[in-house]
Amino acid sequence: MYRADTHRSKATFGSPIHSTTYHEEGPPSYCDNQDFPTSHWDDKSIRRAFIRKVFLVLTAQLLVTFAFVAVFTFVEEVRVYVKRNTWTYYLSYAIFFCSLITLSCCGDFRRRHPWNLVALSILTLSLSYMVGMIASFYDTEAVIMAIGITAAVCFTVVLFSMQTKYDFTSCMGVLMVSLVVLIIFSILCIFIRNKILQIVYAALGALLFTCFLAVDTQMILGNKQLALSPEEYVFAALNLYTDIINIFLYILAIIGKAKE
C-alpha cells in the first residue's frame, strides 16, 4: 500500500497517507484569518454550513472509493487485470501525489472554485483506484470485515470528537512525532518480514490515524486551539478522507495478516 510548517504524505501499502499543512500559504486558524474574523466564525449558521459542506464532500469521496473497492473485490475480471498490470498502481500513485501536493501547498488554488473541486475529484479517483487495487489482493471476507470495522470506528470517533470538551488539537505535536516514528517503523518492516511485527505496525498505524481523525474533526468545529477557516472545506474534507482511508488500509492489513 496512505502542524506547523509540515506536510506529510505517503501512499504505499501499509504506509500513512495524510496531508495537513499549517503555514503562511496554508489554512490559517480562524482567529488569525482577516477574511473570517472570530465574530463571523462564531455565527452558528456559518459554522453549520461549513461542516455540512465538508461532510457532503467527504460522503461523495467515500462513496466513490468504496464503489471502486466493491468492483475490484467482486468482479473477477477486474481483479485479474489489476494483478497483471501493476503499472497502473504506480500511475495512479503519481497522479494522486501531484494532486495532493497541489491541494496541500497551493492555498489560493485550493480556495478557487471550481478548480479546487476538480483537483479533489482527480485525487479521489486516483486514490480510489489505488485502494481498490490493494483490496483486490485480499479475500472478499477480509475486505467486508475491514469496511465494517472502519465504519464503526470512524463513526464513533467523529461523534465523540464533536461531543467531548477535550481539545485533541493540542496533541498535534505528539502525533507528528508519532507519525515520524511510524514511518521509520515502516522502513524496518520492509527489511524484516515478520508477521507479528507487521501486525503490530498496522495496529499502531490504525491507532495513530484514528487520533488524526479526532484532531481533524475538531478542526472543522472552530472552537479548539487549532481550527480551519470556513473557506477551507476542500482541505478539511481531504484531511478527513485520507484519515479514513488510512484507517481502512491498516485494518485491512491487520485482518489479512491474521488470516494468513
Protein backbone atom coordinates (compact mmCIF):
# COMPACT_ATOMS: atom_id res chain seq x y z
CA MET A 1 0.00 0.00 0.00
CA TYR A 2 -1.62 6.49 2.81
CA ARG A 3 1.40 21.25 12.27
CA ALA A 4 3.24 23.71 11.92
CA ASP A 5 5.18 24.13 8.71
CA THR A 6 4.83 20.45 7.99
CA HIS A 7 3.50 18.45 5.08
CA ARG A 8 3.09 14.71 5.28
CA SER A 9 2.13 12.32 2.53
CA LYS A 10 3.00 8.72 1.76
CA ALA A 11 0.80 6.48 -0.32
CA THR A 12 2.21 2.98 -0.45
CA PHE A 13 0.62 -0.11 1.09
CA GLY A 14 0.82 -0.07 4.84
CA SER A 15 2.12 3.49 4.92
CA PRO A 16 0.41 6.67 6.05
CA ILE A 17 -1.48 8.75 3.54
CA HIS A 18 -2.17 12.11 5.06
CA SER A 19 -1.93 15.74 4.14
CA THR A 20 -2.03 18.50 6.71
CA THR A 21 -0.29 21.84 6.37
CA TYR A 22 -0.25 24.95 8.51
CA HIS A 23 1.95 27.70 7.23
CA GLU A 24 1.62 31.11 5.68
CA GLU A 25 0.31 29.67 2.41
CA GLY A 26 -1.97 27.13 4.09
CA PRO A 27 -5.20 27.34 6.03
CA PRO A 28 -4.89 29.75 8.95
CA SER A 29 -6.57 29.47 12.30
CA TYR A 30 -9.91 31.22 12.15
CA CYS A 31 -8.76 33.67 14.81
CA ASP A 32 -5.87 34.79 12.54
CA ASN A 33 -7.85 34.95 9.32
CA GLN A 34 -8.75 38.51 8.41
CA ASP A 35 -11.39 37.33 5.93
CA PHE A 36 -13.20 35.32 8.60
CA PRO A 37 -12.80 37.06 11.96
CA THR A 38 -13.89 35.40 15.16
CA SER A 39 -17.21 37.22 15.26
CA HIS A 40 -18.13 35.77 11.87
CA TRP A 41 -16.87 32.28 12.67
CA ASP A 42 -18.87 32.26 15.87
CA ASP A 43 -22.03 32.66 13.83
CA LYS A 44 -23.72 29.27 14.07
CA SER A 45 -25.12 29.43 10.54
CA ILE A 46 -21.63 29.81 9.03
CA ARG A 47 -20.25 27.02 11.17
CA ARG A 48 -23.09 24.66 10.34
CA ALA A 49 -22.91 25.45 6.63
CA PHE A 50 -19.17 24.79 6.63
CA ILE A 51 -19.49 21.47 8.50
CA ARG A 52 -22.38 20.40 6.27
CA LYS A 53 -20.38 21.17 3.12
CA VAL A 54 -17.32 19.28 4.43
CA PHE A 55 -19.27 16.13 5.24
CA LEU A 56 -21.19 16.31 1.96
CA VAL A 57 -17.92 16.33 0.01
CA LEU A 58 -16.48 13.62 2.26
CA THR A 59 -19.53 11.40 1.74
CA ALA A 60 -19.19 11.71 -2.04
CA GLN A 61 -15.49 10.80 -1.82
CA LEU A 62 -16.13 7.73 0.32
CA LEU A 63 -18.97 6.53 -1.93
CA VAL A 64 -16.65 6.71 -4.95
CA THR A 65 -13.80 4.96 -3.15
CA PHE A 66 -15.82 2.06 -1.80
CA ALA A 67 -17.58 1.68 -5.15
CA PHE A 68 -14.09 1.06 -6.58
CA VAL A 69 -13.37 -1.36 -3.75
CA ALA A 70 -16.60 -3.25 -4.48
CA VAL A 71 -15.79 -3.56 -8.19
CA PHE A 72 -12.20 -4.64 -7.57
CA THR A 73 -13.34 -7.13 -4.94
CA PHE A 74 -16.38 -8.77 -6.54
CA VAL A 75 -15.60 -8.59 -10.30
CA GLU A 76 -13.12 -11.36 -11.03
CA GLU A 77 -12.09 -9.95 -14.42
CA VAL A 78 -11.06 -6.69 -12.80
CA ARG A 79 -9.12 -8.49 -10.05
CA VAL A 80 -7.17 -10.45 -12.65
CA TYR A 81 -6.50 -7.37 -14.77
CA VAL A 82 -5.07 -5.21 -11.98
CA LYS A 83 -2.90 -8.04 -10.68
CA ARG A 84 -1.38 -8.42 -14.14
CA ASN A 85 -0.96 -4.68 -14.70
CA THR A 86 0.63 -3.36 -11.55
CA TRP A 87 2.00 -0.38 -13.52
CA THR A 88 -1.47 1.17 -13.25
CA TYR A 89 -0.97 1.39 -9.49
CA TYR A 90 2.19 3.46 -9.88
CA LEU A 91 0.49 5.68 -12.46
CA SER A 92 -2.41 6.34 -10.09
CA TYR A 93 0.10 6.97 -7.29
CA ALA A 94 1.84 9.65 -9.39
CA ILE A 95 -1.49 11.33 -10.18
CA PHE A 96 -2.53 11.16 -6.54
CA PHE A 97 0.76 12.59 -5.30
CA CYS A 98 0.67 15.53 -7.75
CA SER A 99 -2.91 16.43 -6.86
CA LEU A 100 -2.14 16.03 -3.15
CA ILE A 101 0.82 18.42 -3.34
CA THR A 102 -1.27 20.90 -5.32
CA LEU A 103 -4.14 20.92 -2.83
CA SER A 104 -1.87 20.94 0.23
CA CYS A 105 0.64 23.58 -0.81
CA CYS A 106 -1.27 25.93 -3.13
CA GLY A 107 -3.62 27.80 -0.82
CA ASP A 108 -5.01 30.15 -3.46
CA PHE A 109 -5.70 27.31 -5.87
CA ARG A 110 -7.32 25.23 -3.12
CA ARG A 111 -9.82 28.02 -2.47
CA ARG A 112 -10.59 28.73 -6.13
CA HIS A 113 -13.88 27.23 -7.25
CA PRO A 114 -14.40 25.05 -9.30
CA TRP A 115 -10.74 24.10 -9.81
CA ASN A 116 -10.38 23.01 -6.21
CA LEU A 117 -13.19 20.50 -6.71
CA VAL A 118 -11.66 19.32 -9.98
CA ALA A 119 -8.31 18.66 -8.27
CA LEU A 120 -10.06 16.96 -5.35
CA SER A 121 -12.01 14.76 -7.80
CA ILE A 122 -8.80 13.72 -9.55
CA LEU A 123 -7.21 12.92 -6.19
CA THR A 124 -10.25 10.93 -5.10
CA LEU A 125 -10.36 8.88 -8.31
CA SER A 126 -6.64 8.10 -8.25
CA LEU A 127 -6.65 7.14 -4.57
CA SER A 128 -9.84 5.11 -5.07
CA TYR A 129 -8.09 3.12 -7.79
CA MET A 130 -5.12 2.50 -5.50
CA VAL A 131 -7.31 1.39 -2.61
CA GLY A 132 -9.39 -0.82 -4.90
CA MET A 133 -6.26 -2.43 -6.29
CA ILE A 134 -4.91 -3.08 -2.80
CA ALA A 135 -8.25 -4.62 -1.77
CA SER A 136 -8.15 -6.95 -4.79
CA PHE A 137 -5.22 -8.81 -3.21
CA TYR A 138 -7.28 -9.71 -0.13
CA ASP A 139 -10.11 -12.17 0.40
CA THR A 140 -13.62 -10.79 -0.04
CA GLU A 141 -14.45 -11.65 3.57
CA ALA A 142 -11.44 -9.68 4.84
CA VAL A 143 -12.42 -6.62 2.78
CA ILE A 144 -16.01 -6.67 4.03
CA MET A 145 -14.86 -7.03 7.63
CA ALA A 146 -12.41 -4.15 7.22
CA ILE A 147 -15.13 -1.91 5.77
CA GLY A 148 -17.48 -2.70 8.64
CA ILE A 149 -14.87 -2.14 11.35
CA THR A 150 -13.67 1.08 9.69
CA ALA A 151 -17.22 2.44 9.50
CA ALA A 152 -17.85 1.65 13.17
CA VAL A 153 -14.54 3.13 14.33
CA CYS A 154 -14.81 6.31 12.28
CA PHE A 155 -18.44 6.97 13.20
CA THR A 156 -17.62 6.55 16.89
CA VAL A 157 -14.52 8.76 16.75
CA VAL A 158 -16.21 11.56 14.79
CA LEU A 159 -19.24 11.56 17.10
CA PHE A 160 -17.06 11.53 20.23
CA SER A 161 -14.81 14.30 18.90
CA MET A 162 -17.80 16.53 18.29
CA GLN A 163 -19.26 15.94 21.74
CA THR A 164 -16.22 15.92 24.04
CA LYS A 165 -14.83 19.07 25.62
CA TYR A 166 -11.26 17.75 25.43
CA ASP A 167 -9.14 19.56 22.84
CA PHE A 168 -7.45 16.91 20.70
CA THR A 169 -5.83 19.58 18.52
CA SER A 170 -3.49 20.41 21.41
CA CYS A 171 -1.87 16.98 20.91
CA MET A 172 -0.71 17.74 17.36
CA GLY A 173 2.98 17.83 18.29
CA VAL A 174 2.85 14.40 19.87
CA LEU A 175 1.01 12.99 16.85
CA MET A 176 3.56 14.42 14.43
CA VAL A 177 6.41 12.79 16.35
CA SER A 178 4.44 9.54 16.37
CA LEU A 179 4.00 9.80 12.61
CA VAL A 180 7.76 10.11 12.10
CA VAL A 181 8.30 7.04 14.30
CA LEU A 182 5.66 5.14 12.32
CA ILE A 183 7.40 5.95 9.03
CA ILE A 184 10.71 4.69 10.44
CA PHE A 185 8.88 1.59 11.64
CA SER A 186 7.52 1.03 8.11
CA ILE A 187 11.07 1.08 6.72
CA LEU A 188 12.05 -1.52 9.30
CA CYS A 189 9.13 -3.72 8.24
CA ILE A 190 10.34 -3.64 4.64
CA PHE A 191 13.58 -5.38 5.60
CA ILE A 192 12.22 -7.58 8.38
CA ARG A 193 9.49 -9.82 7.04
CA ASN A 194 7.84 -10.90 10.26
CA LYS A 195 4.09 -11.47 10.58
CA ILE A 196 3.82 -10.32 14.19
CA LEU A 197 5.90 -7.21 13.50
CA GLN A 198 3.69 -6.26 10.55
CA ILE A 199 0.50 -6.75 12.57
CA VAL A 200 1.91 -4.52 15.33
CA TYR A 201 2.86 -1.90 12.73
CA ALA A 202 -0.61 -1.96 11.18
CA ALA A 203 -2.26 -1.73 14.61
CA LEU A 204 -0.14 1.30 15.54
CA GLY A 205 -0.91 2.91 12.19
CA ALA A 206 -4.65 2.43 12.65
CA LEU A 207 -4.45 3.87 16.16
CA LEU A 208 -2.41 6.88 15.05
CA PHE A 209 -4.74 7.82 12.21
CA THR A 210 -7.73 7.34 14.47
CA CYS A 211 -6.17 10.08 16.60
CA PHE A 212 -5.61 12.22 13.50
CA LEU A 213 -9.27 11.72 12.60
CA ALA A 214 -10.27 13.07 16.01
CA VAL A 215 -7.98 16.09 15.56
CA ASP A 216 -9.16 16.86 12.02
CA THR A 217 -12.79 16.51 13.09
CA GLN A 218 -12.34 19.08 15.83
CA MET A 219 -10.52 21.42 13.47
CA ILE A 220 -13.70 21.94 11.46
CA LEU A 221 -15.66 22.89 14.60
CA GLY A 222 -13.75 26.13 15.11
CA ASN A 223 -13.84 26.10 18.90
CA LYS A 224 -10.47 24.48 19.67
CA GLN A 225 -6.83 25.55 19.77
CA LEU A 226 -6.42 24.84 16.04
CA ALA A 227 -9.18 25.47 13.53
CA LEU A 228 -9.76 25.78 9.79
CA SER A 229 -11.17 28.79 8.00
CA PRO A 230 -14.74 28.26 6.67
CA GLU A 231 -13.45 28.67 3.12
CA GLU A 232 -11.21 25.61 3.53
CA TYR A 233 -13.94 22.99 3.08
CA VAL A 234 -11.94 21.17 0.39
CA PHE A 235 -8.88 20.95 2.61
CA ALA A 236 -10.97 19.80 5.58
CA ALA A 237 -12.65 17.09 3.50
CA LEU A 238 -9.25 15.99 2.18
CA ASN A 239 -7.87 15.55 5.69
CA LEU A 240 -10.85 13.54 6.93
CA TYR A 241 -10.87 11.45 3.76
CA THR A 242 -7.20 10.47 3.95
CA ASP A 243 -7.57 9.68 7.65
CA ILE A 244 -10.44 7.28 6.98
CA ILE A 245 -8.67 5.63 4.04
CA ASN A 246 -5.57 5.09 6.16
CA ILE A 247 -7.62 3.52 8.93
CA PHE A 248 -9.27 1.20 6.41
CA LEU A 249 -5.98 0.12 4.85
CA TYR A 250 -4.36 -0.57 8.21
CA ILE A 251 -7.36 -2.53 9.47
CA LEU A 252 -7.41 -4.49 6.21
CA ALA A 253 -3.72 -5.26 6.67
CA ILE A 254 -4.36 -6.50 10.23
CA ILE A 255 -7.18 -8.78 9.13
CA GLY A 256 -5.25 -10.03 6.11
CA LYS A 257 -2.16 -10.90 8.17
CA ALA A 258 -4.26 -12.53 10.88
CA LYS A 259 -5.95 -14.79 8.30
CA GLU A 260 -2.67 -15.98 6.77
